Amino acid sequence: MKTYAFELSGEHGTLPKEEALALLELYSSGFREIRSPLQCLIVEAEGLDPRALGKRLAMTHRIIEVLAICEARSESLSDAAGRIELPQKRYRIRARRINDAALGTDEAEREVGRSLFRRGFKADLENPEVELRAIITGGEVILGLEIARTDRSSFEARRPHLKPFFHPGVLMPRMARALVNLSKVREKERLLDPFAGTGGILVEACLIGIKGVGVEVQPRLARGALCNIECLDCSIISGDAKRLPFKDVSLDAAVLDTPYGRSARIEAESKELLLAESLSELHRVLRQERRMVIVADRPIDSDVKDAGFEILQWHTDRVHRSLTRQIFVCRKVG
C-alpha cells in the first residue's frame, strides 16, 4: 500500500474528510485511515486512481503521495528532504501552513530546496516536471508528490447567479458536489433530486458522469432548471416529490435539499407532511443499501428513521444567524 495525504479545505469542519473517505471506497481497491490532523487526511490505499478521484472532489485542494512525515522543525524537514526518493526531474516545492502551525511556508520551502540542491536536483519554478507539496499542520510536516489537484475555479464559474436561470436560497456548487459524493453514487448510475429547484445538484452530478433525474413541483422552476442542465445527461420532470413517477427500487442514490426559507414554496398541507410523504416515496424508489443525502433546516433524524433509513452521518452547516443546515447521510435498510 502507498500512503496518501488529502489536503482538505477549511470551509467545513467535517464534510471534507467524509467526502474523501466516501470516494476512497469508490476509487481504490482497499484503504486504511491512518489519522487526520487539522485539514488533512492521511491514508494507506491500494489501487488508487487519484486523477479520477481528484476530478470528483469538491472540498479537497490536493492529493499527495506521501514521501516523508517529520516534526515541524527546520532540522527535521531538512533531514527528511535529504532522504526522500525522487525522480531526476526538475521540481517545484510549495508549502501550505494550516492555521498557526509551528513552521512557516517560506522556511519550509527553503529547507527542502537547500536539501535537494545539495543532492543535485534542479528547481524550476515556471515549468516543473514534478510538484512537491509540504503540508504543515499541527506539529508536523507531510512532504510528498502532488498527484492530483481539484479545479476549484470551475466551481466558482458555476456559482448560482452566473447560471442562465437563478433563484435565491440554493446550494453553492462545491457543497452540492460534496453531497453528491457523499452519496457514493458511481458513474453511469442514476441519482434523483426530488426537489430539483434550479438543478444545481443535478449539474454537479452530471459533470462527473452520473445520470441525474430531477423532480420539481413548480413549473417555473422546472422550466428554468432545463436551461441550467442543457447539454448534460440529465432530465427534469414536472411532478410531486410525494408521488414520484418511478418504479420501486429503480434508483441508485438520492440527494435533496428540502424546501425551507422565505423563497421556498410548500406544495402540501404542511412541511411535516411534505417531508414524511417524500421520505416514504424515496424509500420506495431507492435500491436496497444505497444512500440518500438530505438537507433540512432542522433536525429530522426521527423522520428519517421512521421512513426506514439508517443515519450514517449527521453534519451541521451554519449559513447565517437564522439558518443552520442539517445534513444527513443515510442508507436504506428497511
C-alpha atoms as a PDB file:
ATOM      1  CA  MET A   1       0.000   0.000   0.000  1.00  0.00           C
ATOM      2  CA  LYS A   2       1.077   3.567  -0.679  1.00  0.00           C
ATOM      3  CA  THR A   3       0.483   6.422   1.726  1.00  0.00           C
ATOM      4  CA  TYR A   4      -1.530   9.411   0.575  1.00  0.00           C
ATOM      5  CA  ALA A   5      -2.466  12.731   2.148  1.00  0.00           C
ATOM      6  CA  PHE A   6      -5.571  14.726   1.267  1.00  0.00           C
ATOM      7  CA  GLU A   7      -5.085  18.450   1.746  1.00  0.00           C
ATOM      8  CA  LEU A   8      -8.583  19.323   2.912  1.00  0.00           C
ATOM      9  CA  SER A   9     -10.264  22.700   2.605  1.00  0.00           C
ATOM     10  CA  GLY A  10     -11.188  24.595   5.721  1.00  0.00           C
ATOM     11  CA  GLU A  11     -14.670  25.597   4.582  1.00  0.00           C
ATOM     12  CA  HIS A  12     -16.374  22.979   6.749  1.00  0.00           C
ATOM     13  CA  GLY A  13     -15.334  21.088   9.854  1.00  0.00           C
ATOM     14  CA  THR A  14     -16.424  17.551   8.935  1.00  0.00           C
ATOM     15  CA  LEU A  15     -17.619  17.308   5.319  1.00  0.00           C
ATOM     16  CA  PRO A  16     -14.215  17.447   3.532  1.00  0.00           C
ATOM     17  CA  LYS A  17     -12.885  14.374   5.326  1.00  0.00           C
ATOM     18  CA  GLU A  18     -16.099  12.372   4.874  1.00  0.00           C
ATOM     19  CA  GLU A  19     -16.252  13.287   1.184  1.00  0.00           C
ATOM     20  CA  ALA A  20     -12.696  11.999   0.692  1.00  0.00           C
ATOM     21  CA  LEU A  21     -13.417   8.779   2.589  1.00  0.00           C
ATOM     22  CA  ALA A  22     -16.572   8.142   0.526  1.00  0.00           C
ATOM     23  CA  LEU A  23     -14.645   8.488  -2.736  1.00  0.00           C
ATOM     24  CA  LEU A  24     -11.764   6.354  -1.484  1.00  0.00           C
ATOM     25  CA  GLU A  25     -14.239   3.488  -1.317  1.00  0.00           C
ATOM     26  CA  LEU A  26     -15.076   4.047  -4.986  1.00  0.00           C
ATOM     27  CA  TYR A  27     -11.615   4.727  -6.410  1.00  0.00           C
ATOM     28  CA  SER A  28      -9.361   2.292  -4.551  1.00  0.00           C
ATOM     29  CA  SER A  29      -9.296  -1.464  -4.105  1.00  0.00           C
ATOM     30  CA  GLY A  30      -8.791  -1.010  -0.366  1.00  0.00           C
ATOM     31  CA  PHE A  31      -7.677   1.645   2.090  1.00  0.00           C
ATOM     32  CA  ARG A  32      -6.989   2.293   5.747  1.00  0.00           C
ATOM     33  CA  GLU A  33      -7.281   5.625   7.517  1.00  0.00           C
ATOM     34  CA  ILE A  34      -4.075   6.445   9.391  1.00  0.00           C
ATOM     35  CA  ARG A  35      -5.032   9.701  11.067  1.00  0.00           C
ATOM     36  CA  SER A  36      -6.494  13.111  10.332  1.00  0.00           C
ATOM     37  CA  PRO A  37      -4.550  16.128  11.603  1.00  0.00           C
ATOM     38  CA  LEU A  38      -6.127  19.533  11.096  1.00  0.00           C
ATOM     39  CA  GLN A  39      -7.345  19.985   7.479  1.00  0.00           C
ATOM     40  CA  CYS A  40      -5.575  16.821   6.365  1.00  0.00           C
ATOM     41  CA  LEU A  41      -6.408  13.142   5.950  1.00  0.00           C
ATOM     42  CA  ILE A  42      -3.665  10.511   5.781  1.00  0.00           C
ATOM     43  CA  VAL A  43      -4.497   7.061   4.432  1.00  0.00           C
ATOM     44  CA  GLU A  44      -2.856   3.935   3.098  1.00  0.00           C
ATOM     45  CA  ALA A  45      -4.506   2.732  -0.114  1.00  0.00           C
ATOM     46  CA  GLU A  46      -4.144   0.124  -2.824  1.00  0.00           C
ATOM     47  CA  GLY A  47      -5.107   0.558  -6.455  1.00  0.00           C
ATOM     48  CA  LEU A  48      -5.973   4.231  -6.012  1.00  0.00           C
ATOM     49  CA  ASP A  49      -6.949   6.223  -9.099  1.00  0.00           C
ATOM     50  CA  PRO A  50      -6.003   9.705  -7.859  1.00  0.00           C
ATOM     51  CA  ARG A  51      -6.768  11.569 -11.077  1.00  0.00           C
ATOM     52  CA  ALA A  52     -10.315  10.242 -11.297  1.00  0.00           C
ATOM     53  CA  LEU A  53     -10.781  10.941  -7.610  1.00  0.00           C
ATOM     54  CA  GLY A  54      -9.374  14.453  -7.950  1.00  0.00           C
ATOM     55  CA  LYS A  55     -11.856  15.270 -10.724  1.00  0.00           C
ATOM     56  CA  ARG A  56     -14.757  14.495  -8.386  1.00  0.00           C
ATOM     57  CA  LEU A  57     -13.603  16.084  -5.145  1.00  0.00           C
ATOM     58  CA  ALA A  58     -15.015  19.443  -4.107  1.00  0.00           C
ATOM     59  CA  MET A  59     -13.627  20.046  -0.619  1.00  0.00           C
ATOM     60  CA  THR A  60     -10.034  18.866  -1.099  1.00  0.00           C
ATOM     61  CA  HIS A  61      -7.303  21.074  -2.533  1.00  0.00           C
ATOM     62  CA  ARG A  62      -4.741  18.409  -3.447  1.00  0.00           C
ATOM     63  CA  ILE A  63      -3.834  14.757  -3.095  1.00  0.00           C
ATOM     64  CA  ILE A  64      -0.183  13.968  -2.462  1.00  0.00           C
ATOM     65  CA  GLU A  65       1.724  10.703  -2.397  1.00  0.00           C
ATOM     66  CA  VAL A  66       3.495  10.890   0.946  1.00  0.00           C
ATOM     67  CA  LEU A  67       7.283  10.597   0.893  1.00  0.00           C
ATOM     68  CA  ALA A  68       8.042  11.657   4.464  1.00  0.00           C
ATOM     69  CA  ILE A  69       6.392  12.853   7.659  1.00  0.00           C
ATOM     70  CA  CYS A  70       8.521  14.725  10.170  1.00  0.00           C
ATOM     71  CA  GLU A  71       8.417  17.216  13.011  1.00  0.00           C
ATOM     72  CA  ALA A  72       7.612  20.810  12.076  1.00  0.00           C
ATOM     73  CA  ARG A  73      11.203  21.934  12.650  1.00  0.00           C
ATOM     74  CA  SER A  74      13.722  23.129  10.067  1.00  0.00           C
ATOM     75  CA  GLU A  75      16.292  20.489  11.016  1.00  0.00           C
ATOM     76  CA  SER A  76      13.804  17.649  10.827  1.00  0.00           C
ATOM     77  CA  LEU A  77      12.431  18.786   7.459  1.00  0.00           C
ATOM     78  CA  SER A  78      15.922  19.214   6.021  1.00  0.00           C
ATOM     79  CA  ASP A  79      16.841  15.714   7.162  1.00  0.00           C
ATOM     80  CA  ALA A  80      13.623  14.252   5.699  1.00  0.00           C
ATOM     81  CA  ALA A  81      14.153  16.005   2.353  1.00  0.00           C
ATOM     82  CA  GLY A  82      17.669  14.571   2.274  1.00  0.00           C
ATOM     83  CA  ARG A  83      16.345  11.023   2.404  1.00  0.00           C
ATOM     84  CA  ILE A  84      13.280  11.008   0.136  1.00  0.00           C
ATOM     85  CA  GLU A  85      13.402   9.183  -3.195  1.00  0.00           C
ATOM     86  CA  LEU A  86      12.689  11.396  -6.179  1.00  0.00           C
ATOM     87  CA  PRO A  87      12.976  11.036  -9.954  1.00  0.00           C
ATOM     88  CA  GLN A  88      15.755  13.088 -11.545  1.00  0.00           C
ATOM     89  CA  LYS A  89      13.367  15.728 -12.834  1.00  0.00           C
ATOM     90  CA  ARG A  90      13.040  19.465 -12.405  1.00  0.00           C
ATOM     91  CA  TYR A  91      10.886  20.194  -9.387  1.00  0.00           C
ATOM     92  CA  ARG A  92       8.968  22.948  -7.642  1.00  0.00           C
ATOM     93  CA  ILE A  93       8.239  22.924  -3.909  1.00  0.00           C
ATOM     94  CA  ARG A  94       5.225  24.659  -2.442  1.00  0.00           C
ATOM     95  CA  ALA A  95       4.101  24.567   1.175  1.00  0.00           C
ATOM     96  CA  ARG A  96       0.836  25.271   2.936  1.00  0.00           C
ATOM     97  CA  ARG A  97       0.669  26.198   6.604  1.00  0.00           C
ATOM     98  CA  ILE A  98      -2.542  25.261   8.409  1.00  0.00           C
ATOM     99  CA  ASN A  99      -3.567  27.907  10.933  1.00  0.00           C
ATOM    100  CA  ASP A 100      -0.720  28.645  13.362  1.00  0.00           C
ATOM    101  CA  ALA A 101       1.410  25.562  12.677  1.00  0.00           C
ATOM    102  CA  ALA A 102       4.933  25.740  14.045  1.00  0.00           C
ATOM    103  CA  LEU A 103       6.831  26.218  10.753  1.00  0.00           C
ATOM    104  CA  GLY A 104       6.311  28.955   8.167  1.00  0.00           C
ATOM    105  CA  THR A 105       5.785  28.223   4.462  1.00  0.00           C
ATOM    106  CA  ASP A 106       8.816  30.209   3.266  1.00  0.00           C
ATOM    107  CA  GLU A 107      11.087  28.475   5.749  1.00  0.00           C
ATOM    108  CA  ALA A 108       9.742  25.042   4.783  1.00  0.00           C
ATOM    109  CA  GLU A 109      10.243  25.696   1.064  1.00  0.00           C
ATOM    110  CA  ARG A 110      13.796  26.969   1.664  1.00  0.00           C
ATOM    111  CA  GLU A 111      14.792  23.955   3.747  1.00  0.00           C
ATOM    112  CA  VAL A 112      13.502  21.459   1.182  1.00  0.00           C
ATOM    113  CA  GLY A 113      15.106  23.426  -1.659  1.00  0.00           C
ATOM    114  CA  ARG A 114      18.501  23.574   0.052  1.00  0.00           C
ATOM    115  CA  SER A 115      18.480  19.896   0.816  1.00  0.00           C
ATOM    116  CA  LEU A 116      17.541  18.914  -2.739  1.00  0.00           C
ATOM    117  CA  PHE A 117      20.087  21.324  -4.220  1.00  0.00           C
ATOM    118  CA  ARG A 118      22.832  19.616  -2.224  1.00  0.00           C
ATOM    119  CA  ARG A 119      21.675  16.314  -3.722  1.00  0.00           C
ATOM    120  CA  GLY A 120      21.942  17.658  -7.269  1.00  0.00           C
ATOM    121  CA  PHE A 121      18.263  18.215  -8.022  1.00  0.00           C
ATOM    122  CA  LYS A 122      17.282  21.236 -10.110  1.00  0.00           C
ATOM    123  CA  ALA A 123      14.398  23.549  -9.299  1.00  0.00           C
ATOM    124  CA  ASP A 124      12.151  25.073 -11.959  1.00  0.00           C
ATOM    125  CA  LEU A 125       9.520  27.478 -10.716  1.00  0.00           C
ATOM    126  CA  GLU A 126       7.987  28.105 -14.139  1.00  0.00           C
ATOM    127  CA  ASN A 127       7.760  24.673 -15.810  1.00  0.00           C
ATOM    128  CA  PRO A 128       8.448  21.974 -13.229  1.00  0.00           C
ATOM    129  CA  GLU A 129       8.228  18.300 -14.147  1.00  0.00           C
ATOM    130  CA  VAL A 130       7.459  17.344 -10.559  1.00  0.00           C
ATOM    131  CA  GLU A 131       5.381  19.208  -7.953  1.00  0.00           C
ATOM    132  CA  LEU A 132       6.428  18.733  -4.344  1.00  0.00           C
ATOM    133  CA  ARG A 133       3.991  19.701  -1.597  1.00  0.00           C
ATOM    134  CA  ALA A 134       4.572  20.253   2.105  1.00  0.00           C
ATOM    135  CA  ILE A 135       1.523  20.406   4.364  1.00  0.00           C
ATOM    136  CA  ILE A 136       2.419  21.982   7.710  1.00  0.00           C
ATOM    137  CA  THR A 137      -0.247  21.054  10.222  1.00  0.00           C
ATOM    138  CA  GLY A 138      -0.031  20.914  13.986  1.00  0.00           C
ATOM    139  CA  GLY A 139       3.462  19.840  14.966  1.00  0.00           C
ATOM    140  CA  GLU A 140       4.394  18.000  11.782  1.00  0.00           C
ATOM    141  CA  VAL A 141       5.153  18.378   8.086  1.00  0.00           C
ATOM    142  CA  ILE A 142       3.756  15.976   5.494  1.00  0.00           C
ATOM    143  CA  LEU A 143       6.001  16.035   2.431  1.00  0.00           C
ATOM    144  CA  GLY A 144       5.140  14.371  -0.850  1.00  0.00           C
ATOM    145  CA  LEU A 145       4.489  14.437  -4.578  1.00  0.00           C
ATOM    146  CA  GLU A 146       1.362  16.201  -5.776  1.00  0.00           C
ATOM    147  CA  ILE A 147      -0.562  13.663  -7.860  1.00  0.00           C
ATOM    148  CA  ALA A 148      -3.976  15.332  -8.185  1.00  0.00           C
ATOM    149  CA  ARG A 149      -5.428  18.793  -7.772  1.00  0.00           C
ATOM    150  CA  THR A 150      -9.028  19.906  -7.589  1.00  0.00           C
ATOM    151  CA  ASP A 151     -10.077  22.540 -10.120  1.00  0.00           C
ATOM    152  CA  ARG A 152     -11.772  24.789  -7.606  1.00  0.00           C
ATOM    153  CA  SER A 153     -12.018  27.690 -10.058  1.00  0.00           C
ATOM    154  CA  SER A 154     -14.569  25.715 -12.089  1.00  0.00           C
ATOM    155  CA  PHE A 155     -16.907  25.707  -9.098  1.00  0.00           C
ATOM    156  CA  GLU A 156     -16.629  29.493  -8.865  1.00  0.00           C
ATOM    157  CA  ALA A 157     -17.597  29.753 -12.535  1.00  0.00           C
ATOM    158  CA  ARG A 158     -20.800  27.820 -11.758  1.00  0.00           C
ATOM    159  CA  ARG A 159     -21.987  29.987  -8.893  1.00  0.00           C
ATOM    160  CA  PRO A 160     -25.798  30.186  -8.916  1.00  0.00           C
ATOM    161  CA  HIS A 161     -26.123  33.807 -10.053  1.00  0.00           C
ATOM    162  CA  LEU A 162     -23.876  33.121 -13.072  1.00  0.00           C
ATOM    163  CA  LYS A 163     -26.097  30.379 -14.467  1.00  0.00           C
ATOM    164  CA  PRO A 164     -28.770  31.018 -17.127  1.00  0.00           C
ATOM    165  CA  PHE A 165     -31.537  30.696 -14.546  1.00  0.00           C
ATOM    166  CA  PHE A 166     -31.213  31.904 -10.946  1.00  0.00           C
ATOM    167  CA  HIS A 167     -33.381  31.512  -7.867  1.00  0.00           C
ATOM    168  CA  PRO A 168     -32.283  32.531  -4.344  1.00  0.00           C
ATOM    169  CA  GLY A 169     -31.578  30.136  -1.496  1.00  0.00           C
ATOM    170  CA  VAL A 170     -29.849  27.363  -3.455  1.00  0.00           C
ATOM    171  CA  LEU A 171     -26.732  25.378  -2.563  1.00  0.00           C
ATOM    172  CA  MET A 172     -23.337  26.546  -3.758  1.00  0.00           C
ATOM    173  CA  PRO A 173     -21.710  24.209  -6.338  1.00  0.00           C
ATOM    174  CA  ARG A 174     -18.955  22.927  -4.008  1.00  0.00           C
ATOM    175  CA  MET A 175     -21.490  21.970  -1.381  1.00  0.00           C
ATOM    176  CA  ALA A 176     -23.757  20.339  -3.972  1.00  0.00           C
ATOM    177  CA  ARG A 177     -20.849  18.303  -5.389  1.00  0.00           C
ATOM    178  CA  ALA A 178     -19.738  17.215  -1.915  1.00  0.00           C
ATOM    179  CA  LEU A 179     -23.256  15.968  -1.147  1.00  0.00           C
ATOM    180  CA  VAL A 180     -23.329  14.022  -4.421  1.00  0.00           C
ATOM    181  CA  ASN A 181     -20.003  12.438  -3.488  1.00  0.00           C
ATOM    182  CA  LEU A 182     -21.247  11.545  -0.017  1.00  0.00           C
ATOM    183  CA  SER A 183     -24.000   9.511  -1.697  1.00  0.00           C
ATOM    184  CA  LYS A 184     -21.276   7.213  -3.140  1.00  0.00           C
ATOM    185  CA  VAL A 185     -23.033   7.144  -6.485  1.00  0.00           C
ATOM    186  CA  ARG A 186     -20.901   5.787  -9.338  1.00  0.00           C
ATOM    187  CA  GLU A 187     -20.527   6.915 -12.924  1.00  0.00           C
ATOM    188  CA  LYS A 188     -23.479   5.996 -15.180  1.00  0.00           C
ATOM    189  CA  GLU A 189     -25.721   5.272 -12.170  1.00  0.00           C
ATOM    190  CA  ARG A 190     -28.944   7.234 -11.645  1.00  0.00           C
ATOM    191  CA  LEU A 191     -29.222   9.909  -8.973  1.00  0.00           C
ATOM    192  CA  LEU A 192     -32.528  11.528  -8.013  1.00  0.00           C
ATOM    193  CA  ASP A 193     -33.175  15.017  -6.688  1.00  0.00           C
ATOM    194  CA  PRO A 194     -36.910  15.156  -5.855  1.00  0.00           C
ATOM    195  CA  PHE A 195     -36.715  18.885  -5.009  1.00  0.00           C
ATOM    196  CA  ALA A 196     -34.687  19.822  -8.062  1.00  0.00           C
ATOM    197  CA  GLY A 197     -35.228  23.579  -7.937  1.00  0.00           C
ATOM    198  CA  THR A 198     -32.798  25.207 -10.382  1.00  0.00           C
ATOM    199  CA  GLY A 199     -30.955  21.918 -10.964  1.00  0.00           C
ATOM    200  CA  GLY A 200     -27.746  22.721  -9.078  1.00  0.00           C
ATOM    201  CA  ILE A 201     -27.331  19.251  -7.558  1.00  0.00           C
ATOM    202  CA  LEU A 202     -28.073  17.611 -10.909  1.00  0.00           C
ATOM    203  CA  VAL A 203     -25.488  19.760 -12.697  1.00  0.00           C
ATOM    204  CA  GLU A 204     -22.766  18.664 -10.283  1.00  0.00           C
ATOM    205  CA  ALA A 205     -23.774  15.020 -10.648  1.00  0.00           C
ATOM    206  CA  CYS A 206     -23.855  15.080 -14.448  1.00  0.00           C
ATOM    207  CA  LEU A 207     -20.459  16.772 -14.728  1.00  0.00           C
ATOM    208  CA  ILE A 208     -18.863  13.683 -13.167  1.00  0.00           C
ATOM    209  CA  GLY A 209     -20.636  11.149 -15.372  1.00  0.00           C
ATOM    210  CA  ILE A 210     -23.724  10.416 -13.288  1.00  0.00           C
ATOM    211  CA  LYS A 211     -27.192  10.299 -14.831  1.00  0.00           C
ATOM    212  CA  GLY A 212     -29.236  12.873 -12.999  1.00  0.00           C
ATOM    213  CA  VAL A 213     -33.001  12.966 -12.817  1.00  0.00           C
ATOM    214  CA  GLY A 214     -34.916  15.687 -11.033  1.00  0.00           C
ATOM    215  CA  VAL A 215     -38.495  16.246  -9.969  1.00  0.00           C
ATOM    216  CA  GLU A 216     -39.784  19.785  -9.428  1.00  0.00           C
ATOM    217  CA  VAL A 217     -43.324  20.719  -8.438  1.00  0.00           C
ATOM    218  CA  GLN A 218     -43.168  24.371  -9.532  1.00  0.00           C
ATOM    219  CA  PRO A 219     -43.454  24.676 -13.345  1.00  0.00           C
ATOM    220  CA  ARG A 220     -41.491  27.944 -13.392  1.00  0.00           C
ATOM    221  CA  LEU A 221     -38.519  26.362 -11.601  1.00  0.00           C
ATOM    222  CA  ALA A 222     -38.717  23.236 -13.752  1.00  0.00           C
ATOM    223  CA  ARG A 223     -38.532  25.345 -16.909  1.00  0.00           C
ATOM    224  CA  GLY A 224     -35.627  27.354 -15.500  1.00  0.00           C
ATOM    225  CA  ALA A 225     -33.765  24.223 -14.458  1.00  0.00           C
ATOM    226  CA  LEU A 226     -33.946  22.957 -18.054  1.00  0.00           C
ATOM    227  CA  CYS A 227     -31.868  25.981 -19.079  1.00  0.00           C
ATOM    228  CA  ASN A 228     -29.223  25.149 -16.462  1.00  0.00           C
ATOM    229  CA  ILE A 229     -28.894  21.474 -17.413  1.00  0.00           C
ATOM    230  CA  GLU A 230     -28.827  21.997 -21.173  1.00  0.00           C
ATOM    231  CA  CYS A 231     -26.351  19.650 -22.942  1.00  0.00           C
ATOM    232  CA  LEU A 232     -25.986  17.469 -19.828  1.00  0.00           C
ATOM    233  CA  ASP A 233     -27.109  13.843 -19.398  1.00  0.00           C
ATOM    234  CA  CYS A 234     -29.916  14.953 -17.166  1.00  0.00           C
ATOM    235  CA  SER A 235     -33.686  15.272 -17.105  1.00  0.00           C
ATOM    236  CA  ILE A 236     -36.239  17.317 -15.187  1.00  0.00           C
ATOM    237  CA  ILE A 237     -39.763  16.082 -14.589  1.00  0.00           C
ATOM    238  CA  SER A 238     -42.537  18.426 -13.551  1.00  0.00           C
ATOM    239  CA  GLY A 239     -44.044  16.491 -10.671  1.00  0.00           C
ATOM    240  CA  ASP A 240     -44.541  15.995  -6.952  1.00  0.00           C
ATOM    241  CA  ALA A 241     -41.964  14.525  -4.555  1.00  0.00           C
ATOM    242  CA  LYS A 242     -44.858  12.961  -2.635  1.00  0.00           C
ATOM    243  CA  ARG A 243     -45.800  10.867  -5.704  1.00  0.00           C
ATOM    244  CA  LEU A 244     -42.602  10.021  -7.560  1.00  0.00           C
ATOM    245  CA  PRO A 245     -43.029   8.683 -11.123  1.00  0.00           C
ATOM    246  CA  PHE A 246     -40.519   5.855 -10.762  1.00  0.00           C
ATOM    247  CA  LYS A 247     -40.676   2.103 -10.272  1.00  0.00           C
ATOM    248  CA  ASP A 248     -39.856   0.502  -6.941  1.00  0.00           C
ATOM    249  CA  VAL A 249     -36.111   0.097  -6.173  1.00  0.00           C
ATOM    250  CA  SER A 250     -35.115   1.666  -9.501  1.00  0.00           C
ATOM    251  CA  LEU A 251     -32.699   4.445  -8.457  1.00  0.00           C
ATOM    252  CA  ASP A 252     -29.127   4.248  -7.167  1.00  0.00           C
ATOM    253  CA  ALA A 253     -28.885   7.360  -4.972  1.00  0.00           C
ATOM    254  CA  ALA A 254     -30.779  10.457  -3.890  1.00  0.00           C
ATOM    255  CA  VAL A 255     -29.544  13.908  -2.900  1.00  0.00           C
ATOM    256  CA  LEU A 256     -32.056  16.544  -1.883  1.00  0.00           C
ATOM    257  CA  ASP A 257     -32.239  19.984  -0.334  1.00  0.00           C
ATOM    258  CA  THR A 258     -35.702  20.159   1.214  1.00  0.00           C
ATOM    259  CA  PRO A 259     -37.762  23.379   0.883  1.00  0.00           C
ATOM    260  CA  TYR A 260     -37.170  25.975   3.590  1.00  0.00           C
ATOM    261  CA  GLY A 261     -36.595  29.704   3.888  1.00  0.00           C
ATOM    262  CA  ARG A 262     -38.520  32.631   2.508  1.00  0.00           C
ATOM    263  CA  SER A 263     -38.017  31.699  -1.144  1.00  0.00           C
ATOM    264  CA  ALA A 264     -39.374  28.161  -0.724  1.00  0.00           C
ATOM    265  CA  ARG A 265     -42.945  27.285  -1.642  1.00  0.00           C
ATOM    266  CA  ILE A 266     -44.533  24.321   0.085  1.00  0.00           C
ATOM    267  CA  GLU A 267     -46.918  22.331  -2.114  1.00  0.00           C
ATOM    268  CA  ALA A 268     -48.505  20.386   0.758  1.00  0.00           C
ATOM    269  CA  GLU A 269     -50.674  20.899   3.822  1.00  0.00           C
ATOM    270  CA  SER A 270     -47.510  21.357   5.894  1.00  0.00           C
ATOM    271  CA  LYS A 271     -43.731  20.956   5.760  1.00  0.00           C
ATOM    272  CA  GLU A 272     -44.063  17.971   8.080  1.00  0.00           C
ATOM    273  CA  LEU A 273     -46.482  16.173   5.753  1.00  0.00           C
ATOM    274  CA  LEU A 274     -44.339  17.001   2.728  1.00  0.00           C
ATOM    275  CA  LEU A 275     -41.264  15.534   4.414  1.00  0.00           C
ATOM    276  CA  ALA A 276     -42.994  12.378   5.644  1.00  0.00           C
ATOM    277  CA  GLU A 277     -44.594  11.512   2.312  1.00  0.00           C
ATOM    278  CA  SER A 278     -41.475  12.396   0.333  1.00  0.00           C
ATOM    279  CA  LEU A 279     -39.285  10.194   2.538  1.00  0.00           C
ATOM    280  CA  SER A 280     -41.732   7.346   2.115  1.00  0.00           C
ATOM    281  CA  GLU A 281     -41.508   7.685  -1.655  1.00  0.00           C
ATOM    282  CA  LEU A 282     -37.720   7.902  -1.567  1.00  0.00           C
ATOM    283  CA  HIS A 283     -37.574   4.707   0.437  1.00  0.00           C
ATOM    284  CA  ARG A 284     -39.767   3.039  -2.179  1.00  0.00           C
ATOM    285  CA  VAL A 285     -37.722   4.019  -5.240  1.00  0.00           C
ATOM    286  CA  LEU A 286     -34.198   3.715  -3.824  1.00  0.00           C
ATOM    287  CA  ARG A 287     -32.301   0.450  -4.167  1.00  0.00           C
ATOM    288  CA  GLN A 288     -31.571  -1.525  -1.008  1.00  0.00           C
ATOM    289  CA  GLU A 289     -28.476  -0.456   0.960  1.00  0.00           C
ATOM    290  CA  ARG A 290     -27.984   2.635  -1.224  1.00  0.00           C
ATOM    291  CA  ARG A 291     -27.534   6.136   0.127  1.00  0.00           C
ATOM    292  CA  MET A 292     -29.692   9.215   0.437  1.00  0.00           C
ATOM    293  CA  VAL A 293     -28.221  12.596   1.438  1.00  0.00           C
ATOM    294  CA  ILE A 294     -30.817  15.023   2.709  1.00  0.00           C
ATOM    295  CA  VAL A 295     -30.519  18.671   3.769  1.00  0.00           C
ATOM    296  CA  ALA A 296     -33.053  20.355   6.067  1.00  0.00           C
ATOM    297  CA  ASP A 297     -33.308  23.447   8.213  1.00  0.00           C
ATOM    298  CA  ARG A 298     -33.958  21.483  11.410  1.00  0.00           C
ATOM    299  CA  PRO A 299     -33.120  18.110  12.961  1.00  0.00           C
ATOM    300  CA  ILE A 300     -35.187  15.477  11.142  1.00  0.00           C
ATOM    301  CA  ASP A 301     -33.478  12.353  12.475  1.00  0.00           C
ATOM    302  CA  SER A 302     -36.697  10.832  13.785  1.00  0.00           C
ATOM    303  CA  ASP A 303     -38.469  11.393  10.434  1.00  0.00           C
ATOM    304  CA  VAL A 304     -35.605   9.777   8.543  1.00  0.00           C
ATOM    305  CA  LYS A 305     -35.538   6.739  10.826  1.00  0.00           C
ATOM    306  CA  ASP A 306     -39.338   6.358  10.720  1.00  0.00           C
ATOM    307  CA  ALA A 307     -39.129   6.191   6.916  1.00  0.00           C
ATOM    308  CA  GLY A 308     -36.795   3.181   7.069  1.00  0.00           C
ATOM    309  CA  PHE A 309     -33.378   4.812   6.698  1.00  0.00           C
ATOM    310  CA  GLU A 310     -30.297   4.343   8.855  1.00  0.00           C
ATOM    311  CA  ILE A 311     -28.425   7.570   9.648  1.00  0.00           C
ATOM    312  CA  LEU A 312     -24.721   7.119   8.900  1.00  0.00           C
ATOM    313  CA  GLN A 313     -23.589  10.723   9.397  1.00  0.00           C
ATOM    314  CA  TRP A 314     -25.094  13.940  10.702  1.00  0.00           C
ATOM    315  CA  HIS A 315     -23.409  17.244   9.832  1.00  0.00           C
ATOM    316  CA  THR A 316     -24.371  20.839  10.503  1.00  0.00           C
ATOM    317  CA  ASP A 317     -23.601  23.823   8.279  1.00  0.00           C
ATOM    318  CA  ARG A 318     -24.148  27.327   9.654  1.00  0.00           C
ATOM    319  CA  VAL A 319     -25.236  29.554   6.770  1.00  0.00           C
ATOM    320  CA  HIS A 320     -26.146  32.665   8.790  1.00  0.00           C
ATOM    321  CA  ARG A 321     -27.548  33.581  12.175  1.00  0.00           C
ATOM    322  CA  SER A 322     -31.044  32.269  11.490  1.00  0.00           C
ATOM    323  CA  LEU A 323     -30.155  29.216   9.379  1.00  0.00           C
ATOM    324  CA  THR A 324     -28.052  26.188  10.228  1.00  0.00           C
ATOM    325  CA  ARG A 325     -28.439  23.417   7.703  1.00  0.00           C
ATOM    326  CA  GLN A 326     -28.774  19.854   8.962  1.00  0.00           C
ATOM    327  CA  ILE A 327     -27.154  17.344   6.608  1.00  0.00           C
ATOM    328  CA  PHE A 328     -27.990  13.658   6.972  1.00  0.00           C
ATOM    329  CA  VAL A 329     -26.176  10.876   5.135  1.00  0.00           C
ATOM    330  CA  CYS A 330     -28.494   7.859   5.231  1.00  0.00           C
ATOM    331  CA  ARG A 331     -28.774   4.312   3.962  1.00  0.00           C
ATOM    332  CA  LYS A 332     -31.919   2.423   3.024  1.00  0.00           C
ATOM    333  CA  VAL A 333     -32.191  -0.579   5.317  1.00  0.00           C
ATOM    334  CA  GLY A 334     -35.877  -1.347   5.809  1.00  0.00           C
END
